[in-house]
C-alpha atoms as a PDB file:
ATOM      1  CA  MET A   1      -4.564  58.628  -6.780  1.00  0.00           C
ATOM      2  CA  ARG A   2      -1.892  60.905  -5.399  1.00  0.00           C
ATOM      3  CA  LEU A   3      -2.520  64.633  -5.114  1.00  0.00           C
ATOM      4  CA  THR A   4       1.083  65.412  -4.178  1.00  0.00           C
ATOM      5  CA  GLU A   5       4.516  64.734  -5.565  1.00  0.00           C
ATOM      6  CA  LYS A   6       7.935  64.850  -3.958  1.00  0.00           C
ATOM      7  CA  GLU A   7       9.928  67.996  -4.659  1.00  0.00           C
ATOM      8  CA  THR A   8      13.379  67.737  -6.164  1.00  0.00           C
ATOM      9  CA  ASP A   9      16.128  70.305  -6.338  1.00  0.00           C
ATOM     10  CA  ILE A  10      17.665  71.594  -9.549  1.00  0.00           C
ATOM     11  CA  ILE A  11      19.756  68.438 -10.090  1.00  0.00           C
ATOM     12  CA  GLY A  12      16.894  66.037  -9.328  1.00  0.00           C
ATOM     13  CA  VAL A  13      17.660  65.127  -5.702  1.00  0.00           C
ATOM     14  CA  GLU A  14      14.591  64.762  -3.461  1.00  0.00           C
ATOM     15  CA  THR A  15      14.327  67.591  -0.931  1.00  0.00           C
ATOM     16  CA  GLY A  16      12.072  65.796   1.560  1.00  0.00           C
ATOM     17  CA  PHE A  17       9.205  68.193   0.843  1.00  0.00           C
ATOM     18  CA  TYR A  18       6.001  67.697  -1.117  1.00  0.00           C
ATOM     19  CA  ARG A  19       4.030  69.898  -3.464  1.00  0.00           C
ATOM     20  CA  LEU A  20       0.621  69.568  -5.030  1.00  0.00           C
ATOM     21  CA  LYS A  21       0.728  68.062  -8.498  1.00  0.00           C
ATOM     22  CA  LYS A  22       0.405  70.611 -11.263  1.00  0.00           C
ATOM     23  CA  ASP A  23      -3.138  69.409 -12.016  1.00  0.00           C
ATOM     24  CA  TYR A  24      -4.303  70.373  -8.518  1.00  0.00           C
ATOM     25  CA  SER A  25      -2.142  73.309  -7.448  1.00  0.00           C
ATOM     26  CA  ASN A  26      -4.206  75.976  -9.222  1.00  0.00           C
ATOM     27  CA  SER A  27      -7.481  74.732  -7.774  1.00  0.00           C
ATOM     28  CA  PHE A  28      -6.317  74.915  -4.145  1.00  0.00           C
ATOM     29  CA  ILE A  29      -4.338  78.156  -4.007  1.00  0.00           C
ATOM     30  CA  PRO A  30      -6.239  81.379  -4.734  1.00  0.00           C
ATOM     31  CA  ASP A  31      -4.935  83.819  -7.348  1.00  0.00           C
ATOM     32  CA  LYS A  32      -4.263  86.457  -4.720  1.00  0.00           C
ATOM     33  CA  CYS A  33      -2.244  84.919  -1.909  1.00  0.00           C
ATOM     34  CA  GLY A  34      -3.510  85.498   1.604  1.00  0.00           C
ATOM     35  CA  ASN A  35      -1.480  86.285   4.659  1.00  0.00           C
ATOM     36  CA  GLN A  36       1.563  84.281   5.760  1.00  0.00           C
ATOM     37  CA  ARG A  37      -0.467  82.129   8.166  1.00  0.00           C
ATOM     38  CA  GLU A  38      -2.732  80.945   5.330  1.00  0.00           C
ATOM     39  CA  LEU A  39       0.283  80.142   3.152  1.00  0.00           C
ATOM     40  CA  ASN A  40       1.897  78.202   6.025  1.00  0.00           C
ATOM     41  CA  SER A  41      -1.342  76.236   6.473  1.00  0.00           C
ATOM     42  CA  VAL A  42      -1.383  75.306   2.789  1.00  0.00           C
ATOM     43  CA  PHE A  43       2.273  74.259   2.968  1.00  0.00           C
ATOM     44  CA  LEU A  44       1.771  72.164   6.124  1.00  0.00           C
ATOM     45  CA  GLY A  45      -1.340  70.578   4.600  1.00  0.00           C
ATOM     46  CA  GLN A  46       0.652  69.585   1.523  1.00  0.00           C
ATOM     47  CA  GLN A  47       3.384  68.035   3.680  1.00  0.00           C
ATOM     48  CA  LYS A  48       0.887  66.053   5.773  1.00  0.00           C
ATOM     49  CA  LEU A  49      -1.012  64.861   2.694  1.00  0.00           C
ATOM     50  CA  GLY A  50       2.243  63.799   1.034  1.00  0.00           C
ATOM     51  CA  GLN A  51       3.258  61.770   4.081  1.00  0.00           C
ATOM     52  CA  LEU A  52      -0.160  60.070   4.243  1.00  0.00           C
ATOM     53  CA  GLU A  53       0.020  59.232   0.546  1.00  0.00           C
ATOM     54  CA  ASP A  54       3.474  57.682   1.099  1.00  0.00           C
ATOM     55  CA  ILE A  55       1.966  55.417   3.768  1.00  0.00           C
ATOM     56  CA  GLU A  56      -0.872  54.467   1.410  1.00  0.00           C
ATOM     57  CA  ASP A  57       1.662  53.616  -1.291  1.00  0.00           C
ATOM     58  CA  GLU A  58       3.619  51.464   1.162  1.00  0.00           C
ATOM     59  CA  PHE A  59       0.533  49.556   2.369  1.00  0.00           C
ATOM     60  CA  GLY A  60      -1.125  49.389  -1.043  1.00  0.00           C
ATOM     61  CA  ILE A  61      -4.487  50.431   0.387  1.00  0.00           C
ATOM     62  CA  ASP A  62      -6.312  53.697   1.040  1.00  0.00           C
ATOM     63  CA  LEU A  63      -5.974  54.613   4.744  1.00  0.00           C
ATOM     64  CA  ILE A  64      -9.670  55.394   5.092  1.00  0.00           C
ATOM     65  CA  THR A  65     -10.493  51.916   3.785  1.00  0.00           C
ATOM     66  CA  LEU A  66      -7.933  50.407   6.166  1.00  0.00           C
ATOM     67  CA  PHE A  67      -9.470  52.176   9.170  1.00  0.00           C
ATOM     68  CA  LYS A  68     -12.963  51.116   8.071  1.00  0.00           C
ATOM     69  CA  ALA A  69     -11.717  47.518   7.879  1.00  0.00           C
ATOM     70  CA  CYS A  70     -10.480  47.791  11.471  1.00  0.00           C
ATOM     71  CA  GLN A  71     -14.055  48.536  12.551  1.00  0.00           C
ATOM     72  CA  GLN A  72     -15.616  45.657  10.597  1.00  0.00           C
ATOM     73  CA  LYS A  73     -16.617  42.344  12.136  1.00  0.00           C
ATOM     74  CA  TYR A  74     -16.753  40.582   8.751  1.00  0.00           C
ATOM     75  CA  VAL A  75     -14.953  40.906   5.415  1.00  0.00           C
ATOM     76  CA  PHE A  76     -15.801  39.391   2.054  1.00  0.00           C
ATOM     77  CA  VAL A  77     -13.292  37.059   0.427  1.00  0.00           C
ATOM     78  CA  LYS A  78     -13.138  35.734  -3.132  1.00  0.00           C
ATOM     79  CA  ASN A  79     -11.695  32.222  -3.513  1.00  0.00           C
ATOM     80  CA  ALA A  80      -9.864  30.734  -6.506  1.00  0.00           C
ATOM     81  CA  PHE A  81     -13.180  29.655  -8.052  1.00  0.00           C
ATOM     82  CA  GLY A  82     -14.583  33.193  -7.915  1.00  0.00           C
ATOM     83  CA  GLU A  83     -16.995  32.419  -5.068  1.00  0.00           C
ATOM     84  CA  ILE A  84     -17.509  35.275  -2.601  1.00  0.00           C
ATOM     85  CA  ASN A  85     -18.013  34.443   1.070  1.00  0.00           C
ATOM     86  CA  SER A  86     -18.331  36.451   4.251  1.00  0.00           C
ATOM     87  CA  ARG A  87     -15.619  35.682   6.802  1.00  0.00           C
ATOM     88  CA  GLU A  88     -15.199  36.799  10.387  1.00  0.00           C
ATOM     89  CA  LEU A  89     -12.292  39.198  10.751  1.00  0.00           C
ATOM     90  CA  TYR A  90      -9.650  38.119  13.257  1.00  0.00           C
ATOM     91  CA  TYR A  91      -7.141  40.974  13.068  1.00  0.00           C
ATOM     92  CA  ILE A  92      -5.216  43.295  10.767  1.00  0.00           C
ATOM     93  CA  ASP A  93      -1.441  43.342  11.043  1.00  0.00           C
ATOM     94  CA  ILE A  94       0.037  46.540   9.659  1.00  0.00           C
ATOM     95  CA  TYR A  95       3.607  45.359  10.281  1.00  0.00           C
ATOM     96  CA  THR A  96       3.288  42.442   7.853  1.00  0.00           C
ATOM     97  CA  LYS A  97       0.534  44.223   5.854  1.00  0.00           C
ATOM     98  CA  ILE A  98      -1.993  41.381   6.070  1.00  0.00           C
ATOM     99  CA  ILE A  99      -5.617  40.921   7.057  1.00  0.00           C
ATOM    100  CA  VAL A 100      -6.338  37.694   8.955  1.00  0.00           C
ATOM    101  CA  TYR A 101      -9.777  36.072   9.035  1.00  0.00           C
ATOM    102  CA  TYR A 102     -11.404  32.809  10.106  1.00  0.00           C
ATOM    103  CA  PHE A 103     -11.697  30.370   7.212  1.00  0.00           C
ATOM    104  CA  GLU A 104     -13.923  27.592   8.572  1.00  0.00           C
ATOM    105  CA  TYR A 105     -16.470  27.652  11.361  1.00  0.00           C
ATOM    106  CA  GLN A 106     -16.964  23.937  12.041  1.00  0.00           C
ATOM    107  CA  PRO A 107     -15.496  21.757  13.472  1.00  0.00           C
ATOM    108  CA  GLU A 108     -12.291  23.727  13.901  1.00  0.00           C
ATOM    109  CA  ARG A 109     -11.628  27.355  13.121  1.00  0.00           C
ATOM    110  CA  GLN A 110      -8.716  27.890  10.782  1.00  0.00           C
ATOM    111  CA  LEU A 111      -7.049  31.205  10.047  1.00  0.00           C
ATOM    112  CA  MET A 112      -6.344  32.518   6.549  1.00  0.00           C
ATOM    113  CA  TYR A 113      -4.850  35.809   5.412  1.00  0.00           C
ATOM    114  CA  GLN A 114      -4.813  38.218   2.489  1.00  0.00           C
ATOM    115  CA  HIS A 115      -2.336  40.968   1.738  1.00  0.00           C
ATOM    116  CA  LEU A 116      -3.713  44.471   2.297  1.00  0.00           C
ATOM    117  CA  ASN A 117      -2.797  45.520  -1.240  1.00  0.00           C
ATOM    118  CA  MET A 118      -5.179  42.877  -2.642  1.00  0.00           C
ATOM    119  CA  TYR A 119      -8.157  44.950  -1.498  1.00  0.00           C
ATOM    120  CA  GLY A 120     -10.885  44.905  -4.134  1.00  0.00           C
ATOM    121  CA  ILE A 121      -9.338  41.866  -5.846  1.00  0.00           C
ATOM    122  CA  THR A 122      -9.397  39.009  -3.314  1.00  0.00           C
ATOM    123  CA  TRP A 123     -11.015  40.714  -0.302  1.00  0.00           C
ATOM    124  CA  ALA A 124     -13.260  43.709   0.366  1.00  0.00           C
ATOM    125  CA  LEU A 125     -15.569  45.304   2.909  1.00  0.00           C
ATOM    126  CA  THR A 126     -18.684  44.682   0.792  1.00  0.00           C
ATOM    127  CA  ARG A 127     -19.752  41.927  -1.573  1.00  0.00           C
ATOM    128  CA  GLU A 128     -20.453  44.463  -4.304  1.00  0.00           C
ATOM    129  CA  GLU A 129     -16.821  45.567  -4.450  1.00  0.00           C
ATOM    130  CA  LEU A 130     -15.717  42.024  -5.315  1.00  0.00           C
ATOM    131  CA  GLU A 131     -18.605  41.388  -7.702  1.00  0.00           C
ATOM    132  CA  ASN A 132     -17.678  44.447  -9.769  1.00  0.00           C
ATOM    133  CA  GLU A 133     -14.055  43.300 -10.106  1.00  0.00           C
END
C-alpha cells in the first residue's frame, strides 16, 4: 500500500516530486510546523519513500520481503496441484524480476523460476503464507 502519491501541477503534469497521500499527511506533520530543517527532513523523507514505492510497484514485491528472500536458503513453492514444497534458492535476478530455485534433487538438479510479483501466490518465504492464499 502506497503512502505517497506523485505531485502534479495545475494542468495535471507530473512534477517529479511526491507528497504523502491525504489520508496520511495529517498524521505525520504536526499542527505547528517546526523549524526549516525539520520541514526539509519531512520533504526529503517523502521523496525517498516515493522513490522506494515506485521500485516496489515496478518489481511487484515489497522491498523488505525481497531483501529477506535474498538471505533465505530455501523458499516455498506451490505447484499447479496446490502442493507446497520447500526448494533450495539458487538466485534472485532483479533485472528480469525472477527468483530461481532448484526443482529436483536427484538424479539431476533442474532450475525453475517464478516471477517476483507472484509472491504469496506461487512462492513465499514461509509455508503459512502459501497455505493462507
